[in-house]
Amino acid sequence: MRAWIYLIIASLFEVAWIYSLKLMQFKKLLTMSFAEIFTNKEGLLMLLPPIGYVAFGVGNIIFFSKAMKSIPAAIAYASWMGVALVCIKIIDTTVFKEAISFPQIIFLLLILIGVIGLKIFA
């Protein structure tokens, strides 16, 4: 059971990793000088996504590797990605106000059913 908790945590880290990547502003960050980044409030805020990218990526790797010690690799990977996909769509819909259709809801539910089935029959 602990391995599945690690897998869920790894999936949540994956979701945070993806959104930190989405929020990164490479062009702005590259055009700012080193002094501007640390003296300007906007510069410090621009550092948050890259720092989050690294931190969430490392957390993702740590928890996913812990989960794979007890769960077969194929099942762990499918479950990890399935949970992350569903969470990403939920956040896209609720936070970023992206549209969701009835067929998308059905297929997301099928992904969740597949993850639950892998958990039950693993």
PDB file of N, CA and C in Angstrom:
ATOM      1  N   MET A   1       0.822  -1.204   0.000  1.00  0.00           N
ATOM      2  CA  MET A   1       0.000   0.000   0.000  1.00  0.00           C
ATOM      3  C   MET A   1       0.863   1.264   0.000  1.00  0.00           C
ATOM      4  N   ARG A   2       1.991   1.226   0.731  1.00  0.00           N
ATOM      5  CA  ARG A   2       2.874   2.384   0.801  1.00  0.00           C
ATOM      6  C   ARG A   2       3.389   2.763  -0.587  1.00  0.00           C
ATOM      7  N   ALA A   3       3.671   1.757  -1.429  1.00  0.00           N
ATOM      8  CA  ALA A   3       4.184   2.024  -2.772  1.00  0.00           C
ATOM      9  C   ALA A   3       3.154   2.802  -3.596  1.00  0.00           C
ATOM     10  N   TRP A   4       1.891   2.498  -3.419  1.00  0.00           N
ATOM     11  CA  TRP A   4       0.851   3.208  -4.171  1.00  0.00           C
ATOM     12  C   TRP A   4       0.720   4.652  -3.685  1.00  0.00           C
ATOM     13  N   ILE A   5       0.947   4.880  -2.416  1.00  0.00           N
ATOM     14  CA  ILE A   5       0.945   6.253  -1.898  1.00  0.00           C
ATOM     15  C   ILE A   5       2.118   7.021  -2.509  1.00  0.00           C
ATOM     16  N   TYR A   6       3.284   6.372  -2.577  1.00  0.00           N
ATOM     17  CA  TYR A   6       4.441   6.992  -3.235  1.00  0.00           C
ATOM     18  C   TYR A   6       4.131   7.312  -4.697  1.00  0.00           C
ATOM     19  N   LEU A   7       3.404   6.427  -5.344  1.00  0.00           N
ATOM     20  CA  LEU A   7       3.052   6.631  -6.746  1.00  0.00           C
ATOM     21  C   LEU A   7       2.121   7.838  -6.917  1.00  0.00           C
ATOM     22  N   ILE A   8       1.165   7.989  -6.033  1.00  0.00           N
ATOM     23  CA  ILE A   8       0.259   9.151  -6.080  1.00  0.00           C
ATOM     24  C   ILE A   8       1.049  10.436  -5.827  1.00  0.00           C
ATOM     25  N   ILE A   9       1.953  10.401  -4.848  1.00  0.00           N
ATOM     26  CA  ILE A   9       2.770  11.581  -4.566  1.00  0.00           C
ATOM     27  C   ILE A   9       3.637  11.921  -5.775  1.00  0.00           C
ATOM     28  N   ALA A  10       4.216  10.905  -6.408  1.00  0.00           N
ATOM     29  CA  ALA A  10       5.027  11.132  -7.608  1.00  0.00           C
ATOM     30  C   ALA A  10       4.182  11.747  -8.719  1.00  0.00           C
ATOM     31  N   SER A  11       2.947  11.303  -8.849  1.00  0.00           N
ATOM     32  CA  SER A  11       2.053  11.868  -9.864  1.00  0.00           C
ATOM     33  C   SER A  11       1.762  13.338  -9.577  1.00  0.00           C
ATOM     34  N   LEU A  12       1.565  13.676  -8.316  1.00  0.00           N
ATOM     35  CA  LEU A  12       1.308  15.071  -7.961  1.00  0.00           C
ATOM     36  C   LEU A  12       2.541  15.934  -8.214  1.00  0.00           C
ATOM     37  N   PHE A  13       3.724  15.387  -7.939  1.00  0.00           N
ATOM     38  CA  PHE A  13       4.957  16.094  -8.273  1.00  0.00           C
ATOM     39  C   PHE A  13       5.073  16.284  -9.788  1.00  0.00           C
ATOM     40  N   GLU A  14       4.655  15.290 -10.552  1.00  0.00           N
ATOM     41  CA  GLU A  14       4.680  15.386 -12.013  1.00  0.00           C
ATOM     42  C   GLU A  14       3.776  16.524 -12.482  1.00  0.00           C
ATOM     43  N   VAL A  15       2.601  16.630 -11.890  1.00  0.00           N
ATOM     44  CA  VAL A  15       1.667  17.697 -12.252  1.00  0.00           C
ATOM     45  C   VAL A  15       2.282  19.062 -11.932  1.00  0.00           C
ATOM     46  N   ALA A  16       2.845  19.201 -10.744  1.00  0.00           N
ATOM     47  CA  ALA A  16       3.477  20.468 -10.363  1.00  0.00           C
ATOM     48  C   ALA A  16       4.668  20.770 -11.268  1.00  0.00           C
ATOM     49  N   TRP A  17       5.412  19.754 -11.653  1.00  0.00           N
ATOM     50  CA  TRP A  17       6.556  19.912 -12.556  1.00  0.00           C
ATOM     51  C   TRP A  17       6.089  20.457 -13.907  1.00  0.00           C
ATOM     52  N   ILE A  18       5.002  19.905 -14.421  1.00  0.00           N
ATOM     53  CA  ILE A  18       4.487  20.340 -15.718  1.00  0.00           C
ATOM     54  C   ILE A  18       4.023  21.800 -15.656  1.00  0.00           C
ATOM     55  N   TYR A  19       3.337  22.177 -14.591  1.00  0.00           N
ATOM     56  CA  TYR A  19       2.867  23.559 -14.505  1.00  0.00           C
ATOM     57  C   TYR A  19       4.002  24.530 -14.224  1.00  0.00           C
ATOM     58  N   SER A  20       5.052  24.099 -13.546  1.00  0.00           N
ATOM     59  CA  SER A  20       6.200  24.986 -13.382  1.00  0.00           C
ATOM     60  C   SER A  20       6.864  25.227 -14.737  1.00  0.00           C
ATOM     61  N   LEU A  21       6.873  24.213 -15.588  1.00  0.00           N
ATOM     62  CA  LEU A  21       7.399  24.371 -16.942  1.00  0.00           C
ATOM     63  C   LEU A  21       6.511  25.315 -17.750  1.00  0.00           C
ATOM     64  N   LYS A  22       5.211  25.191 -17.583  1.00  0.00           N
ATOM     65  CA  LYS A  22       4.272  26.045 -18.313  1.00  0.00           C
ATOM     66  C   LYS A  22       4.422  27.508 -17.900  1.00  0.00           C
ATOM     67  N   LEU A  23       4.729  27.747 -16.641  1.00  0.00           N
ATOM     68  CA  LEU A  23       4.822  29.115 -16.130  1.00  0.00           C
ATOM     69  C   LEU A  23       6.192  29.765 -16.348  1.00  0.00           C
ATOM     70  N   MET A  24       7.169  28.991 -16.798  1.00  0.00           N
ATOM     71  CA  MET A  24       8.503  29.549 -17.029  1.00  0.00           C
ATOM     72  C   MET A  24       8.484  30.536 -18.185  1.00  0.00           C
ATOM     73  N   GLN A  25       9.236  31.605 -18.030  1.00  0.00           N
ATOM     74  CA  GLN A  25       9.354  32.625 -19.065  1.00  0.00           C
ATOM     75  C   GLN A  25      10.828  32.746 -19.448  1.00  0.00           C
ATOM     76  N   PHE A  26      11.259  31.865 -20.331  1.00  0.00           N
ATOM     77  CA  PHE A  26      12.671  31.781 -20.694  1.00  0.00           C
ATOM     78  C   PHE A  26      13.196  33.085 -21.286  1.00  0.00           C
ATOM     79  N   LYS A  27      12.467  33.656 -22.224  1.00  0.00           N
ATOM     80  CA  LYS A  27      12.947  34.867 -22.896  1.00  0.00           C
ATOM     81  C   LYS A  27      13.140  36.012 -21.900  1.00  0.00           C
ATOM     82  N   LYS A  28      12.161  36.200 -21.037  1.00  0.00           N
ATOM     83  CA  LYS A  28      12.267  37.266 -20.040  1.00  0.00           C
ATOM     84  C   LYS A  28      13.429  37.014 -19.090  1.00  0.00           C
ATOM     85  N   LEU A  29      13.573  35.776 -18.671  1.00  0.00           N
ATOM     86  CA  LEU A  29      14.630  35.427 -17.729  1.00  0.00           C
ATOM     87  C   LEU A  29      16.008  35.623 -18.350  1.00  0.00           C
ATOM     88  N   LEU A  30      16.138  35.291 -19.621  1.00  0.00           N
ATOM     89  CA  LEU A  30      17.430  35.438 -20.301  1.00  0.00           C
ATOM     90  C   LEU A  30      17.789  36.889 -20.584  1.00  0.00           C
ATOM     91  N   THR A  31      16.787  37.748 -20.733  1.00  0.00           N
ATOM     92  CA  THR A  31      17.081  39.152 -21.027  1.00  0.00           C
ATOM     93  C   THR A  31      17.378  39.960 -19.775  1.00  0.00           C
ATOM     94  N   MET A  32      17.034  39.445 -18.605  1.00  0.00           N
ATOM     95  CA  MET A  32      17.308  40.171 -17.362  1.00  0.00           C
ATOM     96  C   MET A  32      18.758  39.941 -16.944  1.00  0.00           C
ATOM     97  N   SER A  33      19.346  40.968 -16.364  1.00  0.00           N
ATOM     98  CA  SER A  33      20.705  40.816 -15.850  1.00  0.00           C
ATOM     99  C   SER A  33      20.651  40.105 -14.500  1.00  0.00           C
ATOM    100  N   PHE A  34      21.790  39.604 -14.090  1.00  0.00           N
ATOM    101  CA  PHE A  34      21.884  38.883 -12.818  1.00  0.00           C
ATOM    102  C   PHE A  34      21.456  39.785 -11.659  1.00  0.00           C
ATOM    103  N   ALA A  35      21.855  41.040 -11.696  1.00  0.00           N
ATOM    104  CA  ALA A  35      21.506  41.976 -10.625  1.00  0.00           C
ATOM    105  C   ALA A  35      20.007  42.242 -10.600  1.00  0.00           C
ATOM    106  N   GLU A  36      19.387  42.361 -11.767  1.00  0.00           N
ATOM    107  CA  GLU A  36      17.942  42.625 -11.833  1.00  0.00           C
ATOM    108  C   GLU A  36      17.131  41.483 -11.226  1.00  0.00           C
ATOM    109  N   ILE A  37      17.611  40.280 -11.425  1.00  0.00           N
ATOM    110  CA  ILE A  37      16.874  39.121 -10.923  1.00  0.00           C
ATOM    111  C   ILE A  37      16.788  39.149  -9.408  1.00  0.00           C
ATOM    112  N   PHE A  38      17.867  39.544  -8.741  1.00  0.00           N
ATOM    113  CA  PHE A  38      17.897  39.479  -7.283  1.00  0.00           C
ATOM    114  C   PHE A  38      17.531  40.785  -6.590  1.00  0.00           C
ATOM    115  N   THR A  39      17.423  41.883  -7.319  1.00  0.00           N
ATOM    116  CA  THR A  39      17.048  43.148  -6.690  1.00  0.00           C
ATOM    117  C   THR A  39      15.610  43.540  -6.998  1.00  0.00           C
ATOM    118  N   ASN A  40      15.028  42.930  -7.962  1.00  0.00           N
ATOM    119  CA  ASN A  40      13.704  43.281  -8.427  1.00  0.00           C
ATOM    120  C   ASN A  40      12.714  42.199  -7.975  1.00  0.00           C
ATOM    121  N   LYS A  41      11.555  42.601  -7.462  1.00  0.00           N
ATOM    122  CA  LYS A  41      10.545  41.621  -7.031  1.00  0.00           C
ATOM    123  C   LYS A  41      10.093  40.758  -8.205  1.00  0.00           C
ATOM    124  N   GLU A  42       9.945  41.365  -9.376  1.00  0.00           N
ATOM    125  CA  GLU A  42       9.545  40.610 -10.568  1.00  0.00           C
ATOM    126  C   GLU A  42      10.605  39.565 -10.932  1.00  0.00           C
ATOM    127  N   GLY A  43      11.859  39.938 -10.751  1.00  0.00           N
ATOM    128  CA  GLY A  43      12.948  39.003 -11.039  1.00  0.00           C
ATOM    129  C   GLY A  43      12.917  37.802 -10.118  1.00  0.00           C
ATOM    130  N   LEU A  44      12.660  38.053  -8.835  1.00  0.00           N
ATOM    131  CA  LEU A  44      12.572  36.940  -7.881  1.00  0.00           C
ATOM    132  C   LEU A  44      11.390  36.030  -8.198  1.00  0.00           C
ATOM    133  N   LEU A  45      10.274  36.634  -8.601  1.00  0.00           N
ATOM    134  CA  LEU A  45       9.103  35.826  -8.955  1.00  0.00           C
ATOM    135  C   LEU A  45       9.365  34.989 -10.208  1.00  0.00           C
ATOM    136  N   MET A  46      10.212  35.506 -11.096  1.00  0.00           N
ATOM    137  CA  MET A  46      10.535  34.745 -12.308  1.00  0.00           C
ATOM    138  C   MET A  46      11.421  33.544 -12.005  1.00  0.00           C
ATOM    139  N   LEU A  47      12.080  33.558 -10.854  1.00  0.00           N
ATOM    140  CA  LEU A  47      12.919  32.418 -10.468  1.00  0.00           C
ATOM    141  C   LEU A  47      12.105  31.259  -9.903  1.00  0.00           C
ATOM    142  N   LEU A  48      10.895  31.529  -9.450  1.00  0.00           N
ATOM    143  CA  LEU A  48      10.088  30.468  -8.832  1.00  0.00           C
ATOM    144  C   LEU A  48       9.809  29.291  -9.766  1.00  0.00           C
ATOM    145  N   PRO A  49       9.360  29.514 -11.007  1.00  0.00           N
ATOM    146  CA  PRO A  49       9.117  28.362 -11.879  1.00  0.00           C
ATOM    147  C   PRO A  49      10.368  27.492 -12.147  1.00  0.00           C
ATOM    148  N   PRO A  50      11.547  28.079 -12.438  1.00  0.00           N
ATOM    149  CA  PRO A  50      12.715  27.209 -12.624  1.00  0.00           C
ATOM    150  C   PRO A  50      13.111  26.443 -11.359  1.00  0.00           C
ATOM    151  N   ILE A  51      12.986  27.100 -10.212  1.00  0.00           N
ATOM    152  CA  ILE A  51      13.287  26.415  -8.951  1.00  0.00           C
ATOM    153  C   ILE A  51      12.281  25.300  -8.720  1.00  0.00           C
ATOM    154  N   GLY A  52      11.004  25.588  -8.978  1.00  0.00           N
ATOM    155  CA  GLY A  52       9.965  24.565  -8.855  1.00  0.00           C
ATOM    156  C   GLY A  52      10.187  23.424  -9.820  1.00  0.00           C
ATOM    157  N   TYR A  53      10.617  23.754 -11.031  1.00  0.00           N
ATOM    158  CA  TYR A  53      10.894  22.734 -12.053  1.00  0.00           C
ATOM    159  C   TYR A  53      11.914  21.721 -11.544  1.00  0.00           C
ATOM    160  N   VAL A  54      12.984  22.225 -10.966  1.00  0.00           N
ATOM    161  CA  VAL A  54      14.036  21.336 -10.452  1.00  0.00           C
ATOM    162  C   VAL A  54      13.536  20.569  -9.224  1.00  0.00           C
ATOM    163  N   ALA A  55      12.920  21.283  -8.286  1.00  0.00           N
ATOM    164  CA  ALA A  55      12.470  20.642  -7.048  1.00  0.00           C
ATOM    165  C   ALA A  55      11.394  19.592  -7.308  1.00  0.00           C
ATOM    166  N   PHE A  56      10.410  19.930  -8.123  1.00  0.00           N
ATOM    167  CA  PHE A  56       9.341  18.978  -8.411  1.00  0.00           C
ATOM    168  C   PHE A  56       9.851  17.802  -9.245  1.00  0.00           C
ATOM    169  N   GLY A  57      10.792  18.074 -10.136  1.00  0.00           N
ATOM    170  CA  GLY A  57      11.379  16.984 -10.925  1.00  0.00           C
ATOM    171  C   GLY A  57      12.132  16.001 -10.053  1.00  0.00           C
ATOM    172  N   VAL A  58      12.908  16.514  -9.117  1.00  0.00           N
ATOM    173  CA  VAL A  58      13.655  15.636  -8.203  1.00  0.00           C
ATOM    174  C   VAL A  58      12.683  14.864  -7.304  1.00  0.00           C
ATOM    175  N   GLY A  59      11.672  15.555  -6.775  1.00  0.00           N
ATOM    176  CA  GLY A  59      10.674  14.871  -5.941  1.00  0.00           C
ATOM    177  C   GLY A  59       9.954  13.782  -6.708  1.00  0.00           C
ATOM    178  N   ASN A  60       9.633  14.061  -7.943  1.00  0.00           N
ATOM    179  CA  ASN A  60       8.974  13.093  -8.810  1.00  0.00           C
ATOM    180  C   ASN A  60       9.843  11.840  -8.960  1.00  0.00           C
ATOM    181  N   ILE A  61      11.106  12.033  -9.261  1.00  0.00           N
ATOM    182  CA  ILE A  61      12.022  10.904  -9.453  1.00  0.00           C
ATOM    183  C   ILE A  61      12.167  10.088  -8.172  1.00  0.00           C
ATOM    184  N   ILE A  62      12.305  10.768  -7.053  1.00  0.00           N
ATOM    185  CA  ILE A  62      12.496  10.069  -5.770  1.00  0.00           C
ATOM    186  C   ILE A  62      11.283   9.199  -5.447  1.00  0.00           C
ATOM    187  N   PHE A  63      10.095   9.789  -5.497  1.00  0.00           N
ATOM    188  CA  PHE A  63       8.903   9.027  -5.120  1.00  0.00           C
ATOM    189  C   PHE A  63       8.552   7.949  -6.147  1.00  0.00           C
ATOM    190  N   PHE A  64       8.777   8.242  -7.429  1.00  0.00           N
ATOM    191  CA  PHE A  64       8.493   7.226  -8.449  1.00  0.00           C
ATOM    192  C   PHE A  64       9.451   6.036  -8.310  1.00  0.00           C
ATOM    193  N   SER A  65      10.707   6.298  -8.014  1.00  0.00           N
ATOM    194  CA  SER A  65      11.654   5.188  -7.836  1.00  0.00           C
ATOM    195  C   SER A  65      11.321   4.368  -6.590  1.00  0.00           C
ATOM    196  N   LYS A  66      10.836   5.021  -5.539  1.00  0.00           N
ATOM    197  CA  LYS A  66      10.409   4.278  -4.347  1.00  0.00           C
ATOM    198  C   LYS A  66       9.208   3.389  -4.666  1.00  0.00           C
ATOM    199  N   ALA A  67       8.286   3.908  -5.461  1.00  0.00           N
ATOM    200  CA  ALA A  67       7.093   3.130  -5.820  1.00  0.00           C
ATOM    201  C   ALA A  67       7.471   1.924  -6.665  1.00  0.00           C
ATOM    202  N   MET A  68       8.447   2.088  -7.563  1.00  0.00           N
ATOM    203  CA  MET A  68       8.812   1.002  -8.472  1.00  0.00           C
ATOM    204  C   MET A  68       9.562  -0.130  -7.786  1.00  0.00           C
ATOM    205  N   LYS A  69       9.951   0.060  -6.546  1.00  0.00           N
ATOM    206  CA  LYS A  69      10.594  -1.028  -5.814  1.00  0.00           C
ATOM    207  C   LYS A  69       9.594  -2.129  -5.457  1.00  0.00           C
ATOM    208  N   SER A  70       8.312  -1.765  -5.374  1.00  0.00           N
ATOM    209  CA  SER A  70       7.280  -2.734  -5.013  1.00  0.00           C
ATOM    210  C   SER A  70       6.258  -2.987  -6.115  1.00  0.00           C
ATOM    211  N   ILE A  71       6.164  -2.079  -7.055  1.00  0.00           N
ATOM    212  CA  ILE A  71       5.178  -2.207  -8.132  1.00  0.00           C
ATOM    213  C   ILE A  71       5.937  -2.478  -9.431  1.00  0.00           C
ATOM    214  N   PRO A  72       5.479  -3.432 -10.240  1.00  0.00           N
ATOM    215  CA  PRO A  72       6.148  -3.671 -11.530  1.00  0.00           C
ATOM    216  C   PRO A  72       6.210  -2.393 -12.371  1.00  0.00           C
ATOM    217  N   ALA A  73       7.276  -2.253 -13.136  1.00  0.00           N
ATOM    218  CA  ALA A  73       7.544  -1.011 -13.866  1.00  0.00           C
ATOM    219  C   ALA A  73       6.405  -0.602 -14.795  1.00  0.00           C
ATOM    220  N   ALA A  74       5.871  -1.530 -15.554  1.00  0.00           N
ATOM    221  CA  ALA A  74       4.809  -1.193 -16.506  1.00  0.00           C
ATOM    222  C   ALA A  74       3.554  -0.688 -15.792  1.00  0.00           C
ATOM    223  N   ILE A  75       3.193  -1.333 -14.707  1.00  0.00           N
ATOM    224  CA  ILE A  75       2.005  -0.929 -13.951  1.00  0.00           C
ATOM    225  C   ILE A  75       2.254   0.406 -13.264  1.00  0.00           C
ATOM    226  N   ALA A  76       3.448   0.577 -12.708  1.00  0.00           N
ATOM    227  CA  ALA A  76       3.784   1.843 -12.048  1.00  0.00           C
ATOM    228  C   ALA A  76       3.751   2.995 -13.041  1.00  0.00           C
ATOM    229  N   TYR A  77       4.340   2.788 -14.211  1.00  0.00           N
ATOM    230  CA  TYR A  77       4.395   3.855 -15.200  1.00  0.00           C
ATOM    231  C   TYR A  77       3.000   4.222 -15.706  1.00  0.00           C
ATOM    232  N   ALA A  78       2.208   3.223 -16.028  1.00  0.00           N
ATOM    233  CA  ALA A  78       0.855   3.482 -16.529  1.00  0.00           C
ATOM    234  C   ALA A  78       0.010   4.199 -15.477  1.00  0.00           C
ATOM    235  N   SER A  79       0.106   3.775 -14.243  1.00  0.00           N
ATOM    236  CA  SER A  79      -0.677   4.388 -13.174  1.00  0.00           C
ATOM    237  C   SER A  79      -0.201   5.810 -12.889  1.00  0.00           C
ATOM    238  N   TRP A  80       1.100   5.991 -12.840  1.00  0.00           N
ATOM    239  CA  TRP A  80       1.700   7.301 -12.575  1.00  0.00           C
ATOM    240  C   TRP A  80       1.265   8.308 -13.644  1.00  0.00           C
ATOM    241  N   MET A  81       1.355   7.912 -14.885  1.00  0.00           N
ATOM    242  CA  MET A  81       0.992   8.804 -15.977  1.00  0.00           C
ATOM    243  C   MET A  81      -0.517   9.030 -16.024  1.00  0.00           C
ATOM    244  N   GLY A  82      -1.306   7.993 -15.766  1.00  0.00           N
ATOM    245  CA  GLY A  82      -2.762   8.126 -15.779  1.00  0.00           C
ATOM    246  C   GLY A  82      -3.255   9.107 -14.731  1.00  0.00           C
ATOM    247  N   VAL A  83      -2.749   8.985 -13.516  1.00  0.00           N
ATOM    248  CA  VAL A  83      -3.151   9.900 -12.443  1.00  0.00           C
ATOM    249  C   VAL A  83      -2.719  11.324 -12.783  1.00  0.00           C
ATOM    250  N   ALA A  84      -1.504  11.475 -13.298  1.00  0.00           N
ATOM    251  CA  ALA A  84      -1.020  12.805 -13.669  1.00  0.00           C
ATOM    252  C   ALA A  84      -1.885  13.422 -14.773  1.00  0.00           C
ATOM    253  N   LEU A  85      -2.247  12.631 -15.782  1.00  0.00           N
ATOM    254  CA  LEU A  85      -3.077  13.143 -16.876  1.00  0.00           C
ATOM    255  C   LEU A  85      -4.436  13.632 -16.372  1.00  0.00           C
ATOM    256  N   VAL A  86      -5.057  12.850 -15.517  1.00  0.00           N
ATOM    257  CA  VAL A  86      -6.370  13.232 -14.988  1.00  0.00           C
ATOM    258  C   VAL A  86      -6.248  14.503 -14.147  1.00  0.00           C
ATOM    259  N   CYS A  87      -5.232  14.590 -13.307  1.00  0.00           N
ATOM    260  CA  CYS A  87      -5.038  15.788 -12.482  1.00  0.00           C
ATOM    261  C   CYS A  87      -4.771  17.020 -13.332  1.00  0.00           C
ATOM    262  N   ILE A  88      -3.973  16.858 -14.382  1.00  0.00           N
ATOM    263  CA  ILE A  88      -3.676  17.979 -15.272  1.00  0.00           C
ATOM    264  C   ILE A  88      -4.952  18.480 -15.943  1.00  0.00           C
ATOM    265  N   LYS A  89      -5.785  17.581 -16.400  1.00  0.00           N
ATOM    266  CA  LYS A  89      -7.038  17.993 -17.055  1.00  0.00           C
ATOM    267  C   LYS A  89      -7.967  18.686 -16.067  1.00  0.00           C
ATOM    268  N   ILE A  90      -8.017  18.194 -14.843  1.00  0.00           N
ATOM    269  CA  ILE A  90      -8.859  18.834 -13.821  1.00  0.00           C
ATOM    270  C   ILE A  90      -8.371  20.254 -13.555  1.00  0.00           C
ATOM    271  N   ILE A  91      -7.058  20.436 -13.427  1.00  0.00           N
ATOM    272  CA  ILE A  91      -6.509  21.773 -13.186  1.00  0.00           C
ATOM    273  C   ILE A  91      -6.725  22.672 -14.398  1.00  0.00           C
ATOM    274  N   ASP A  92      -6.499  22.141 -15.598  1.00  0.00           N
ATOM    275  CA  ASP A  92      -6.739  22.934 -16.807  1.00  0.00           C
ATOM    276  C   ASP A  92      -8.178  23.419 -16.867  1.00  0.00           C
ATOM    277  N   THR A  93      -9.102  22.573 -16.479  1.00  0.00           N
ATOM    278  CA  THR A  93     -10.514  22.911 -16.550  1.00  0.00           C
ATOM    279  C   THR A  93     -10.918  23.896 -15.453  1.00  0.00           C
ATOM    280  N   THR A  94     -10.450  23.664 -14.241  1.00  0.00           N
ATOM    281  CA  THR A  94     -10.893  24.507 -13.123  1.00  0.00           C
ATOM    282  C   THR A  94     -10.101  25.804 -12.999  1.00  0.00           C
ATOM    283  N   VAL A  95      -8.792  25.742 -13.165  1.00  0.00           N
ATOM    284  CA  VAL A  95      -7.963  26.931 -12.957  1.00  0.00           C
ATOM    285  C   VAL A  95      -7.817  27.744 -14.238  1.00  0.00           C
ATOM    286  N   PHE A  96      -7.484  27.072 -15.334  1.00  0.00           N
ATOM    287  CA  PHE A  96      -7.218  27.776 -16.585  1.00  0.00           C
ATOM    288  C   PHE A  96      -8.453  27.888 -17.482  1.00  0.00           C
ATOM    289  N   LYS A  97      -9.601  27.432 -16.997  1.00  0.00           N
ATOM    290  CA  LYS A  97     -10.897  27.580 -17.676  1.00  0.00           C
ATOM    291  C   LYS A  97     -10.912  27.017 -19.101  1.00  0.00           C
ATOM    292  N   GLU A  98     -10.190  25.918 -19.303  1.00  0.00           N
ATOM    293  CA  GLU A  98     -10.248  25.256 -20.605  1.00  0.00           C
ATOM    294  C   GLU A  98     -11.528  24.438 -20.697  1.00  0.00           C
ATOM    295  N   ALA A  99     -12.036  24.315 -21.897  1.00  0.00           N
ATOM    296  CA  ALA A  99     -13.282  23.580 -22.105  1.00  0.00           C
ATOM    297  C   ALA A  99     -13.040  22.074 -21.931  1.00  0.00           C
ATOM    298  N   ILE A 100     -14.085  21.403 -21.492  1.00  0.00           N
ATOM    299  CA  ILE A 100     -14.046  19.947 -21.390  1.00  0.00           C
ATOM    300  C   ILE A 100     -15.355  19.420 -21.967  1.00  0.00           C
ATOM    301  N   SER A 101     -15.244  18.373 -22.742  1.00  0.00           N
ATOM    302  CA  SER A 101     -16.437  17.811 -23.371  1.00  0.00           C
ATOM    303  C   SER A 101     -16.836  16.525 -22.651  1.00  0.00           C
ATOM    304  N   PHE A 102     -18.047  16.094 -22.922  1.00  0.00           N
ATOM    305  CA  PHE A 102     -18.545  14.863 -22.317  1.00  0.00           C
ATOM    306  C   PHE A 102     -17.681  13.656 -22.694  1.00  0.00           C
ATOM    307  N   PRO A 103     -17.275  13.497 -23.965  1.00  0.00           N
ATOM    308  CA  PRO A 103     -16.392  12.368 -24.291  1.00  0.00           C
ATOM    309  C   PRO A 103     -15.061  12.413 -23.526  1.00  0.00           C
ATOM    310  N   GLN A 104     -14.519  13.613 -23.319  1.00  0.00           N
ATOM    311  CA  GLN A 104     -13.278  13.716 -22.541  1.00  0.00           C
ATOM    312  C   GLN A 104     -13.483  13.234 -21.108  1.00  0.00           C
ATOM    313  N   ILE A 105     -14.612  13.589 -20.526  1.00  0.00           N
ATOM    314  CA  ILE A 105     -14.924  13.131 -19.168  1.00  0.00           C
ATOM    315  C   ILE A 105     -15.006  11.608 -19.136  1.00  0.00           C
ATOM    316  N   ILE A 106     -15.664  11.026 -20.114  1.00  0.00           N
ATOM    317  CA  ILE A 106     -15.790   9.564 -20.180  1.00  0.00           C
ATOM    318  C   ILE A 106     -14.408   8.913 -20.278  1.00  0.00           C
ATOM    319  N   PHE A 107     -13.553   9.439 -21.157  1.00  0.00           N
ATOM    320  CA  PHE A 107     -12.228   8.834 -21.329  1.00  0.00           C
ATOM    321  C   PHE A 107     -11.338   9.037 -20.110  1.00  0.00           C
ATOM    322  N   LEU A 108     -11.468  10.181 -19.439  1.00  0.00           N
ATOM    323  CA  LEU A 108     -10.722  10.376 -18.197  1.00  0.00           C
ATOM    324  C   LEU A 108     -11.193   9.391 -17.132  1.00  0.00           C
ATOM    325  N   LEU A 109     -12.491   9.147 -17.073  1.00  0.00           N
ATOM    326  CA  LEU A 109     -13.005   8.142 -16.134  1.00  0.00           C
ATOM    327  C   LEU A 109     -12.481   6.749 -16.482  1.00  0.00           C
ATOM    328  N   LEU A 110     -12.373   6.457 -17.767  1.00  0.00           N
ATOM    329  CA  LEU A 110     -11.807   5.164 -18.181  1.00  0.00           C
ATOM    330  C   LEU A 110     -10.345   5.038 -17.751  1.00  0.00           C
ATOM    331  N   ILE A 111      -9.600   6.136 -17.831  1.00  0.00           N
ATOM    332  CA  ILE A 111      -8.213   6.111 -17.350  1.00  0.00           C
ATOM    333  C   ILE A 111      -8.190   5.802 -15.865  1.00  0.00           C
ATOM    334  N   LEU A 112      -9.045   6.476 -15.103  1.00  0.00           N
ATOM    335  CA  LEU A 112      -9.102   6.221 -13.652  1.00  0.00           C
ATOM    336  C   LEU A 112      -9.518   4.792 -13.346  1.00  0.00           C
ATOM    337  N   ILE A 113     -10.475   4.281 -14.099  1.00  0.00           N
ATOM    338  CA  ILE A 113     -10.906   2.886 -13.906  1.00  0.00           C
ATOM    339  C   ILE A 113      -9.741   1.952 -14.205  1.00  0.00           C
ATOM    340  N   GLY A 114      -8.974   2.258 -15.239  1.00  0.00           N
ATOM    341  CA  GLY A 114      -7.799   1.441 -15.565  1.00  0.00           C
ATOM    342  C   GLY A 114      -6.763   1.462 -14.457  1.00  0.00           C
ATOM    343  N   VAL A 115      -6.515   2.633 -13.874  1.00  0.00           N
ATOM    344  CA  VAL A 115      -5.549   2.738 -12.770  1.00  0.00           C
ATOM    345  C   VAL A 115      -6.040   1.944 -11.564  1.00  0.00           C
ATOM    346  N   ILE A 116      -7.322   2.070 -11.251  1.00  0.00           N
ATOM    347  CA  ILE A 116      -7.890   1.321 -10.118  1.00  0.00           C
ATOM    348  C   ILE A 116      -7.807  -0.194 -10.406  1.00  0.00           C
ATOM    349  N   GLY A 117      -8.097  -0.583 -11.636  1.00  0.00           N
ATOM    350  CA  GLY A 117      -7.983  -1.993 -12.001  1.00  0.00           C
ATOM    351  C   GLY A 117      -6.551  -2.504 -11.879  1.00  0.00           C
ATOM    352  N   LEU A 118      -5.584  -1.699 -12.277  1.00  0.00           N
ATOM    353  CA  LEU A 118      -4.188  -2.107 -12.131  1.00  0.00           C
ATOM    354  C   LEU A 118      -3.818  -2.249 -10.661  1.00  0.00           C
ATOM    355  N   LYS A 119      -4.352  -1.377  -9.834  1.00  0.00           N
ATOM    356  CA  LYS A 119      -4.079  -1.454  -8.386  1.00  0.00           C
ATOM    357  C   LYS A 119      -4.695  -2.716  -7.791  1.00  0.00           C
ATOM    358  N   ILE A 120      -5.927  -3.001  -8.171  1.00  0.00           N
ATOM    359  CA  ILE A 120      -6.630  -4.143  -7.584  1.00  0.00           C
ATOM    360  C   ILE A 120      -6.015  -5.472  -8.038  1.00  0.00           C
ATOM    361  N   PHE A 121      -5.652  -5.560  -9.311  1.00  0.00           N
ATOM    362  CA  PHE A 121      -5.209  -6.837  -9.832  1.00  0.00           C
ATOM    363  C   PHE A 121      -3.691  -6.967  -9.969  1.00  0.00           C
ATOM    364  N   ALA A 122      -2.952  -5.997  -9.397  1.00  0.00           N
ATOM    365  CA  ALA A 122      -1.476  -6.074  -9.475  1.00  0.00           C
ATOM    366  C   ALA A 122      -0.938  -7.072  -8.463  1.00  0.00           C
TER     367      ALA A 122
END
